[in-house]
Structures are given as structure tokens and as C-alpha cells.
Amino acid sequence: MSWNYRVIRVDYVDPDTKAIEPCYSVHRCFYNKEEDVIPVKWGQQPASAEGASIEELKLDWARQLEAINKPVLVEKRGKLVESKNG
């Protein structure tokens, strides 16, 4: 199993106006195979950067920034799929 960071969008509906308000966050995502594009599992809570040293912390932040250049994911029926509109 391999993993990386990905951006996941969650759409919240304002109860008063019914307007859809998107929220983007970075999550750890896990894949069956390294070459897979869609994760099979993901962390439900947004990831926070961490490391045992400042250098490791910088590397973790850099990995999270890489997620911004990949397609945004959304959850549909318990699975992640690429968002058609970011």
C-alpha cells in the first residue's frame, strides 16, 4: 500500500440560504498500488504537517504542497472521485 497527500473538497450547505460553500483541505490518502490514481482510503481529518526535525517538517509541508497540483477529490457514495469543477 502506498500513500500521498491529496486535496479533498467538502461542500457544506448553508442552512439559511441553501448556498453551497466549498471547503478544501489536505488529507493523507492511501492506494492499493503505487501507480493507482484514486485512493481507496483516506484520513477523515485534515492532515497537519509534522516531523522529528525542522527538515522533516519542511519535507512534509512540501509533500502537502504537491497535492495542490493534483486534481481535487470529492467523496461520492463512500468513495473518492476526481472533482469535475475543482
PDB file of N, CA and C in Angstrom:
ATOM      1  N   MET A   1       0.856  -1.173   0.000  1.00  0.00           N
ATOM      2  CA  MET A   1       0.000   0.000   0.000  1.00  0.00           C
ATOM      3  C   MET A   1       0.901   1.235   0.000  1.00  0.00           C
ATOM      4  N   SER A   2       0.550   2.226  -0.801  1.00  0.00           N
ATOM      5  CA  SER A   2       1.303   3.486  -0.843  1.00  0.00           C
ATOM      6  C   SER A   2       0.381   4.632  -0.423  1.00  0.00           C
ATOM      7  N   TRP A   3       0.969   5.802  -0.196  1.00  0.00           N
ATOM      8  CA  TRP A   3       0.155   6.934   0.230  1.00  0.00           C
ATOM      9  C   TRP A   3       0.780   8.237  -0.280  1.00  0.00           C
ATOM     10  N   ASN A   4      -0.028   9.277  -0.275  1.00  0.00           N
ATOM     11  CA  ASN A   4       0.426  10.645  -0.523  1.00  0.00           C
ATOM     12  C   ASN A   4      -0.625  11.589   0.050  1.00  0.00           C
ATOM     13  N   TYR A   5      -0.406  12.860  -0.146  1.00  0.00           N
ATOM     14  CA  TYR A   5      -1.394  13.855   0.269  1.00  0.00           C
ATOM     15  C   TYR A   5      -2.223  14.252  -0.934  1.00  0.00           C
ATOM     16  N   ARG A   6      -3.510  14.500  -0.717  1.00  0.00           N
ATOM     17  CA  ARG A   6      -4.401  14.993  -1.763  1.00  0.00           C
ATOM     18  C   ARG A   6      -5.338  16.033  -1.177  1.00  0.00           C
ATOM     19  N   VAL A   7      -5.800  16.932  -2.041  1.00  0.00           N
ATOM     20  CA  VAL A   7      -6.792  17.920  -1.644  1.00  0.00           C
ATOM     21  C   VAL A   7      -8.168  17.294  -1.812  1.00  0.00           C
ATOM     22  N   ILE A   8      -8.982  17.386  -0.762  1.00  0.00           N
ATOM     23  CA  ILE A   8     -10.360  16.891  -0.801  1.00  0.00           C
ATOM     24  C   ILE A   8     -11.291  18.070  -0.543  1.00  0.00           C
ATOM     25  N   ARG A   9     -12.310  18.182  -1.379  1.00  0.00           N
ATOM     26  CA  ARG A   9     -13.313  19.247  -1.229  1.00  0.00           C
ATOM     27  C   ARG A   9     -14.559  18.673  -0.571  1.00  0.00           C
ATOM     28  N   VAL A  10     -15.058  19.400   0.412  1.00  0.00           N
ATOM     29  CA  VAL A  10     -16.329  19.056   1.047  1.00  0.00           C
ATOM     30  C   VAL A  10     -17.257  20.245   0.823  1.00  0.00           C
ATOM     31  N   ASP A  11     -18.457  19.993   0.327  1.00  0.00           N
ATOM     32  CA  ASP A  11     -19.432  21.054   0.106  1.00  0.00           C
ATOM     33  C   ASP A  11     -20.402  21.125   1.283  1.00  0.00           C
ATOM     34  N   TYR A  12     -20.456  22.273   1.914  1.00  0.00           N
ATOM     35  CA  TYR A  12     -21.387  22.493   3.008  1.00  0.00           C
ATOM     36  C   TYR A  12     -22.548  23.326   2.488  1.00  0.00           C
ATOM     37  N   VAL A  13     -23.744  23.018   2.935  1.00  0.00           N
ATOM     38  CA  VAL A  13     -24.924  23.777   2.535  1.00  0.00           C
ATOM     39  C   VAL A  13     -25.301  24.685   3.692  1.00  0.00           C
ATOM     40  N   ASP A  14     -25.354  25.985   3.420  1.00  0.00           N
ATOM     41  CA  ASP A  14     -25.773  26.949   4.431  1.00  0.00           C
ATOM     42  C   ASP A  14     -27.248  26.705   4.734  1.00  0.00           C
ATOM     43  N   PRO A  15     -27.591  26.417   5.996  1.00  0.00           N
ATOM     44  CA  PRO A  15     -28.987  26.086   6.305  1.00  0.00           C
ATOM     45  C   PRO A  15     -29.964  27.230   6.064  1.00  0.00           C
ATOM     46  N   ASP A  16     -29.488  28.466   6.118  1.00  0.00           N
ATOM     47  CA  ASP A  16     -30.378  29.604   5.921  1.00  0.00           C
ATOM     48  C   ASP A  16     -30.563  29.944   4.443  1.00  0.00           C
ATOM     49  N   THR A  17     -29.453  30.048   3.722  1.00  0.00           N
ATOM     50  CA  THR A  17     -29.535  30.490   2.328  1.00  0.00           C
ATOM     51  C   THR A  17     -29.555  29.336   1.328  1.00  0.00           C
ATOM     52  N   LYS A  18     -29.220  28.133   1.803  1.00  0.00           N
ATOM     53  CA  LYS A  18     -29.101  26.942   0.946  1.00  0.00           C
ATOM     54  C   LYS A  18     -27.958  27.065  -0.052  1.00  0.00           C
ATOM     55  N   ALA A  19     -27.106  28.060   0.129  1.00  0.00           N
ATOM     56  CA  ALA A  19     -25.942  28.227  -0.743  1.00  0.00           C
ATOM     57  C   ALA A  19     -24.910  27.148  -0.422  1.00  0.00           C
ATOM     58  N   ILE A  20     -24.240  26.671  -1.454  1.00  0.00           N
ATOM     59  CA  ILE A  20     -23.195  25.668  -1.277  1.00  0.00           C
ATOM     60  C   ILE A  20     -21.875  26.383  -1.042  1.00  0.00           C
ATOM     61  N   GLU A  21     -21.219  26.010   0.047  1.00  0.00           N
ATOM     62  CA  GLU A  21     -19.941  26.620   0.401  1.00  0.00           C
ATOM     63  C   GLU A  21     -18.875  25.529   0.411  1.00  0.00           C
ATOM     64  N   PRO A  22     -17.964  25.551  -0.576  1.00  0.00           N
ATOM     65  CA  PRO A  22     -16.931  24.517  -0.617  1.00  0.00           C
ATOM     66  C   PRO A  22     -15.846  24.776   0.435  1.00  0.00           C
ATOM     67  N   CYS A  23     -15.260  23.700   0.924  1.00  0.00           N
ATOM     68  CA  CYS A  23     -14.141  23.776   1.856  1.00  0.00           C
ATOM     69  C   CYS A  23     -13.085  22.778   1.370  1.00  0.00           C
ATOM     70  N   TYR A  24     -11.867  23.253   1.172  1.00  0.00           N
ATOM     71  CA  TYR A  24     -10.776  22.422   0.681  1.00  0.00           C
ATOM     72  C   TYR A  24      -9.784  22.164   1.806  1.00  0.00           C
ATOM     73  N   SER A  25      -9.308  20.926   1.902  1.00  0.00           N
ATOM     74  CA  SER A  25      -8.284  20.602   2.889  1.00  0.00           C
ATOM     75  C   SER A  25      -7.416  19.454   2.373  1.00  0.00           C
ATOM     76  N   VAL A  26      -6.231  19.352   2.937  1.00  0.00           N
ATOM     77  CA  VAL A  26      -5.270  18.318   2.541  1.00  0.00           C
ATOM     78  C   VAL A  26      -5.423  17.120   3.472  1.00  0.00           C
ATOM     79  N   HIS A  27      -5.494  15.919   2.875  1.00  0.00           N
ATOM     80  CA  HIS A  27      -5.663  14.684   3.636  1.00  0.00           C
ATOM     81  C   HIS A  27      -4.623  13.659   3.193  1.00  0.00           C
ATOM     82  N   ARG A  28      -4.288  12.755   4.090  1.00  0.00           N
ATOM     83  CA  ARG A  28      -3.474  11.601   3.719  1.00  0.00           C
ATOM     84  C   ARG A  28      -4.388  10.621   2.983  1.00  0.00           C
ATOM     85  N   CYS A  29      -3.900  10.142   1.837  1.00  0.00           N
ATOM     86  CA  CYS A  29      -4.680   9.204   1.026  1.00  0.00           C
ATOM     87  C   CYS A  29      -3.849   7.956   0.762  1.00  0.00           C
ATOM     88  N   PHE A  30      -4.515   6.819   0.749  1.00  0.00           N
ATOM     89  CA  PHE A  30      -3.837   5.531   0.624  1.00  0.00           C
ATOM     90  C   PHE A  30      -4.333   4.794  -0.616  1.00  0.00           C
ATOM     91  N   TYR A  31      -3.390   4.121  -1.294  1.00  0.00           N
ATOM     92  CA  TYR A  31      -3.648   3.449  -2.565  1.00  0.00           C
ATOM     93  C   TYR A  31      -3.258   1.982  -2.463  1.00  0.00           C
ATOM     94  N   ASN A  32      -3.960   1.115  -3.189  1.00  0.00           N
ATOM     95  CA  ASN A  32      -3.577  -0.302  -3.231  1.00  0.00           C
ATOM     96  C   ASN A  32      -2.222  -0.471  -3.901  1.00  0.00           C
ATOM     97  N   LYS A  33      -2.016   0.259  -5.010  1.00  0.00           N
ATOM     98  CA  LYS A  33      -0.764   0.167  -5.764  1.00  0.00           C
ATOM     99  C   LYS A  33      -0.220   1.568  -5.981  1.00  0.00           C
ATOM    100  N   GLU A  34       1.083   1.680  -6.088  1.00  0.00           N
ATOM    101  CA  GLU A  34       1.719   2.980  -6.250  1.00  0.00           C
ATOM    102  C   GLU A  34       1.239   3.710  -7.497  1.00  0.00           C
ATOM    103  N   GLU A  35       0.921   2.977  -8.558  1.00  0.00           N
ATOM    104  CA  GLU A  35       0.512   3.618  -9.811  1.00  0.00           C
ATOM    105  C   GLU A  35      -0.969   3.996  -9.844  1.00  0.00           C
ATOM    106  N   ASP A  36      -1.729   3.616  -8.830  1.00  0.00           N
ATOM    107  CA  ASP A  36      -3.149   3.985  -8.783  1.00  0.00           C
ATOM    108  C   ASP A  36      -3.312   5.507  -8.675  1.00  0.00           C
ATOM    109  N   VAL A  37      -4.375   6.030  -9.261  1.00  0.00           N
ATOM    110  CA  VAL A  37      -4.630   7.474  -9.220  1.00  0.00           C
ATOM    111  C   VAL A  37      -5.696   7.848  -8.195  1.00  0.00           C
ATOM    112  N   ILE A  38      -6.601   6.943  -7.920  1.00  0.00           N
ATOM    113  CA  ILE A  38      -7.678   7.218  -6.974  1.00  0.00           C
ATOM    114  C   ILE A  38      -7.427   6.419  -5.693  1.00  0.00           C
ATOM    115  N   PRO A  39      -7.420   7.105  -4.554  1.00  0.00           N
ATOM    116  CA  PRO A  39      -7.172   6.406  -3.288  1.00  0.00           C
ATOM    117  C   PRO A  39      -8.331   5.495  -2.893  1.00  0.00           C
ATOM    118  N   VAL A  40      -7.997   4.458  -2.125  1.00  0.00           N
ATOM    119  CA  VAL A  40      -9.023   3.545  -1.611  1.00  0.00           C
ATOM    120  C   VAL A  40      -9.388   3.893  -0.167  1.00  0.00           C
ATOM    121  N   LYS A  41      -8.503   4.585   0.536  1.00  0.00           N
ATOM    122  CA  LYS A  41      -8.749   5.027   1.913  1.00  0.00           C
ATOM    123  C   LYS A  41      -8.159   6.414   2.088  1.00  0.00           C
ATOM    124  N   TRP A  42      -8.670   7.153   3.068  1.00  0.00           N
ATOM    125  CA  TRP A  42      -8.138   8.478   3.343  1.00  0.00           C
ATOM    126  C   TRP A  42      -8.417   8.858   4.782  1.00  0.00           C
ATOM    127  N   GLY A  43      -7.577   9.750   5.299  1.00  0.00           N
ATOM    128  CA  GLY A  43      -7.792  10.253   6.649  1.00  0.00           C
ATOM    129  C   GLY A  43      -8.996  11.174   6.673  1.00  0.00           C
ATOM    130  N   GLN A  44      -9.907  10.941   7.583  1.00  0.00           N
ATOM    131  CA  GLN A  44     -11.119  11.763   7.658  1.00  0.00           C
ATOM    132  C   GLN A  44     -10.822  13.184   8.133  1.00  0.00           C
ATOM    133  N   GLN A  45      -9.800  13.325   8.951  1.00  0.00           N
ATOM    134  CA  GLN A  45      -9.409  14.658   9.430  1.00  0.00           C
ATOM    135  C   GLN A  45      -8.310  15.211   8.533  1.00  0.00           C
ATOM    136  N   PRO A  46      -8.301  16.522   8.284  1.00  0.00           N
ATOM    137  CA  PRO A  46      -7.219  17.110   7.502  1.00  0.00           C
ATOM    138  C   PRO A  46      -5.863  16.824   8.146  1.00  0.00           C
ATOM    139  N   ALA A  47      -4.860  16.674   7.307  1.00  0.00           N
ATOM    140  CA  ALA A  47      -3.509  16.383   7.783  1.00  0.00           C
ATOM    141  C   ALA A  47      -2.859  17.651   8.321  1.00  0.00           C
ATOM    142  N   SER A  48      -2.005  17.470   9.293  1.00  0.00           N
ATOM    143  CA  SER A  48      -1.176  18.577   9.759  1.00  0.00           C
ATOM    144  C   SER A  48       0.270  18.186   9.498  1.00  0.00           C
ATOM    145  N   ALA A  49       1.084  19.162   9.165  1.00  0.00           N
ATOM    146  CA  ALA A  49       2.490  18.880   8.892  1.00  0.00           C
ATOM    147  C   ALA A  49       3.176  18.490  10.191  1.00  0.00           C
ATOM    148  N   GLU A  50       4.092  17.519  10.092  1.00  0.00           N
ATOM    149  CA  GLU A  50       4.812  17.077  11.279  1.00  0.00           C
ATOM    150  C   GLU A  50       6.148  16.479  10.884  1.00  0.00           C
ATOM    151  N   GLY A  51       7.047  16.431  11.829  1.00  0.00           N
ATOM    152  CA  GLY A  51       8.351  15.830  11.598  1.00  0.00           C
ATOM    153  C   GLY A  51       9.150  15.783  12.881  1.00  0.00           C
ATOM    154  N   ALA A  52      10.149  14.924  12.886  1.00  0.00           N
ATOM    155  CA  ALA A  52      11.011  14.786  14.060  1.00  0.00           C
ATOM    156  C   ALA A  52      12.092  15.861  14.084  1.00  0.00           C
ATOM    157  N   SER A  53      12.177  16.652  13.036  1.00  0.00           N
ATOM    158  CA  SER A  53      13.133  17.763  12.958  1.00  0.00           C
ATOM    159  C   SER A  53      12.526  18.845  12.068  1.00  0.00           C
ATOM    160  N   ILE A  54      13.136  20.002  12.061  1.00  0.00           N
ATOM    161  CA  ILE A  54      12.672  21.083  11.186  1.00  0.00           C
ATOM    162  C   ILE A  54      12.769  20.653   9.724  1.00  0.00           C
ATOM    163  N   GLU A  55      13.824  19.949   9.370  1.00  0.00           N
ATOM    164  CA  GLU A  55      13.984  19.490   7.981  1.00  0.00           C
ATOM    165  C   GLU A  55      12.864  18.519   7.593  1.00  0.00           C
ATOM    166  N   GLU A  56      12.517  17.602   8.486  1.00  0.00           N
ATOM    167  CA  GLU A  56      11.413  16.682   8.200  1.00  0.00           C
ATOM    168  C   GLU A  56      10.090  17.430   8.105  1.00  0.00           C
ATOM    169  N   LEU A  57       9.907  18.437   8.931  1.00  0.00           N
ATOM    170  CA  LEU A  57       8.698  19.259   8.865  1.00  0.00           C
ATOM    171  C   LEU A  57       8.614  19.969   7.510  1.00  0.00           C
ATOM    172  N   LYS A  58       9.727  20.520   7.054  1.00  0.00           N
ATOM    173  CA  LYS A  58       9.760  21.180   5.737  1.00  0.00           C
ATOM    174  C   LYS A  58       9.414  20.201   4.623  1.00  0.00           C
ATOM    175  N   LEU A  59       9.956  18.984   4.705  1.00  0.00           N
ATOM    176  CA  LEU A  59       9.666  17.966   3.688  1.00  0.00           C
ATOM    177  C   LEU A  59       8.183  17.592   3.688  1.00  0.00           C
ATOM    178  N   ASP A  60       7.603  17.487   4.879  1.00  0.00           N
ATOM    179  CA  ASP A  60       6.185  17.144   4.957  1.00  0.00           C
ATOM    180  C   ASP A  60       5.326  18.261   4.365  1.00  0.00           C
ATOM    181  N   TRP A  61       5.667  19.510   4.659  1.00  0.00           N
ATOM    182  CA  TRP A  61       4.941  20.636   4.058  1.00  0.00           C
ATOM    183  C   TRP A  61       5.075  20.621   2.533  1.00  0.00           C
ATOM    184  N   ALA A  62       6.279  20.314   2.049  1.00  0.00           N
ATOM    185  CA  ALA A  62       6.487  20.260   0.596  1.00  0.00           C
ATOM    186  C   ALA A  62       5.617  19.176  -0.039  1.00  0.00           C
ATOM    187  N   ARG A  63       5.491  18.031   0.623  1.00  0.00           N
ATOM    188  CA  ARG A  63       4.627  16.955   0.104  1.00  0.00           C
ATOM    189  C   ARG A  63       3.168  17.408   0.066  1.00  0.00           C
ATOM    190  N   GLN A  64       2.765  18.152   1.088  1.00  0.00           N
ATOM    191  CA  GLN A  64       1.381  18.650   1.097  1.00  0.00           C
ATOM    192  C   GLN A  64       1.161  19.658  -0.021  1.00  0.00           C
ATOM    193  N   LEU A  65       2.143  20.499  -0.276  1.00  0.00           N
ATOM    194  CA  LEU A  65       2.013  21.476  -1.366  1.00  0.00           C
ATOM    195  C   LEU A  65       1.894  20.787  -2.726  1.00  0.00           C
ATOM    196  N   GLU A  66       2.541  19.642  -2.893  1.00  0.00           N
ATOM    197  CA  GLU A  66       2.434  18.894  -4.150  1.00  0.00           C
ATOM    198  C   GLU A  66       0.984  18.494  -4.433  1.00  0.00           C
ATOM    199  N   ALA A  67       0.198  18.297  -3.394  1.00  0.00           N
ATOM    200  CA  ALA A  67      -1.193  17.881  -3.556  1.00  0.00           C
ATOM    201  C   ALA A  67      -2.015  18.934  -4.292  1.00  0.00           C
ATOM    202  N   ILE A  68      -1.623  20.192  -4.180  1.00  0.00           N
ATOM    203  CA  ILE A  68      -2.370  21.281  -4.821  1.00  0.00           C
ATOM    204  C   ILE A  68      -2.311  21.175  -6.343  1.00  0.00           C
ATOM    205  N   ASN A  69      -1.263  20.552  -6.877  1.00  0.00           N
ATOM    206  CA  ASN A  69      -1.112  20.414  -8.325  1.00  0.00           C
ATOM    207  C   ASN A  69      -1.806  19.181  -8.895  1.00  0.00           C
ATOM    208  N   LYS A  70      -2.443  18.399  -8.036  1.00  0.00           N
ATOM    209  CA  LYS A  70      -3.166  17.212  -8.487  1.00  0.00           C
ATOM    210  C   LYS A  70      -4.657  17.533  -8.524  1.00  0.00           C
ATOM    211  N   PRO A  71      -5.438  16.764  -9.275  1.00  0.00           N
ATOM    212  CA  PRO A  71      -6.884  17.015  -9.303  1.00  0.00           C
ATOM    213  C   PRO A  71      -7.498  16.931  -7.900  1.00  0.00           C
ATOM    214  N   VAL A  72      -8.455  17.802  -7.649  1.00  0.00           N
ATOM    215  CA  VAL A  72      -9.176  17.813  -6.375  1.00  0.00           C
ATOM    216  C   VAL A  72     -10.095  16.597  -6.337  1.00  0.00           C
ATOM    217  N   LEU A  73     -10.214  16.000  -5.152  1.00  0.00           N
ATOM    218  CA  LEU A  73     -11.078  14.837  -4.965  1.00  0.00           C
ATOM    219  C   LEU A  73     -12.309  15.224  -4.161  1.00  0.00           C
ATOM    220  N   VAL A  74     -13.413  14.520  -4.410  1.00  0.00           N
ATOM    221  CA  VAL A  74     -14.639  14.665  -3.623  1.00  0.00           C
ATOM    222  C   VAL A  74     -15.148  13.267  -3.297  1.00  0.00           C
ATOM    223  N   GLU A  75     -15.876  13.155  -2.192  1.00  0.00           N
ATOM    224  CA  GLU A  75     -16.443  11.867  -1.809  1.00  0.00           C
ATOM    225  C   GLU A  75     -17.814  11.699  -2.459  1.00  0.00           C
ATOM    226  N   LYS A  76     -17.994  10.562  -3.093  1.00  0.00           N
ATOM    227  CA  LYS A  76     -19.283  10.196  -3.690  1.00  0.00           C
ATOM    228  C   LYS A  76     -19.589   8.756  -3.286  1.00  0.00           C
ATOM    229  N   ARG A  77     -20.659   8.586  -2.536  1.00  0.00           N
ATOM    230  CA  ARG A  77     -21.107   7.248  -2.113  1.00  0.00           C
ATOM    231  C   ARG A  77     -19.989   6.450  -1.439  1.00  0.00           C
ATOM    232  N   GLY A  78     -19.239   7.108  -0.575  1.00  0.00           N
ATOM    233  CA  GLY A  78     -18.211   6.421   0.199  1.00  0.00           C
ATOM    234  C   GLY A  78     -16.888   6.203  -0.507  1.00  0.00           C
ATOM    235  N   LYS A  79     -16.749   6.757  -1.725  1.00  0.00           N
ATOM    236  CA  LYS A  79     -15.502   6.624  -2.479  1.00  0.00           C
ATOM    237  C   LYS A  79     -15.050   8.004  -2.927  1.00  0.00           C
ATOM    238  N   LEU A  80     -13.748   8.156  -3.113  1.00  0.00           N
ATOM    239  CA  LEU A  80     -13.249   9.423  -3.647  1.00  0.00           C
ATOM    240  C   LEU A  80     -13.206   9.356  -5.164  1.00  0.00           C
ATOM    241  N   VAL A  81     -13.593  10.463  -5.793  1.00  0.00           N
ATOM    242  CA  VAL A  81     -13.521  10.608  -7.247  1.00  0.00           C
ATOM    243  C   VAL A  81     -12.959  11.988  -7.543  1.00  0.00           C
ATOM    244  N   GLU A  82     -12.422  12.147  -8.749  1.00  0.00           N
ATOM    245  CA  GLU A  82     -11.919  13.460  -9.143  1.00  0.00           C
ATOM    246  C   GLU A  82     -13.082  14.414  -9.343  1.00  0.00           C
ATOM    247  N   SER A  83     -12.930  15.619  -8.822  1.00  0.00           N
ATOM    248  CA  SER A  83     -13.959  16.641  -8.976  1.00  0.00           C
ATOM    249  C   SER A  83     -13.910  17.170 -10.401  1.00  0.00           C
ATOM    250  N   LYS A  84     -15.067  17.376 -10.973  1.00  0.00           N
ATOM    251  CA  LYS A  84     -15.136  17.926 -12.334  1.00  0.00           C
ATOM    252  C   LYS A  84     -14.965  19.434 -12.345  1.00  0.00           C
ATOM    253  N   ASN A  85     -15.217  20.088 -11.207  1.00  0.00           N
ATOM    254  CA  ASN A  85     -15.122  21.555 -11.182  1.00  0.00           C
ATOM    255  C   ASN A  85     -14.212  22.081 -10.073  1.00  0.00           C
ATOM    256  N   GLY A  86     -13.266  21.255  -9.646  1.00  0.00           N
ATOM    257  CA  GLY A  86     -12.286  21.707  -8.651  1.00  0.00           C
ATOM    258  C   GLY A  86     -12.813  22.032  -7.369  1.00  0.00           C
TER     259      GLY A  86
END
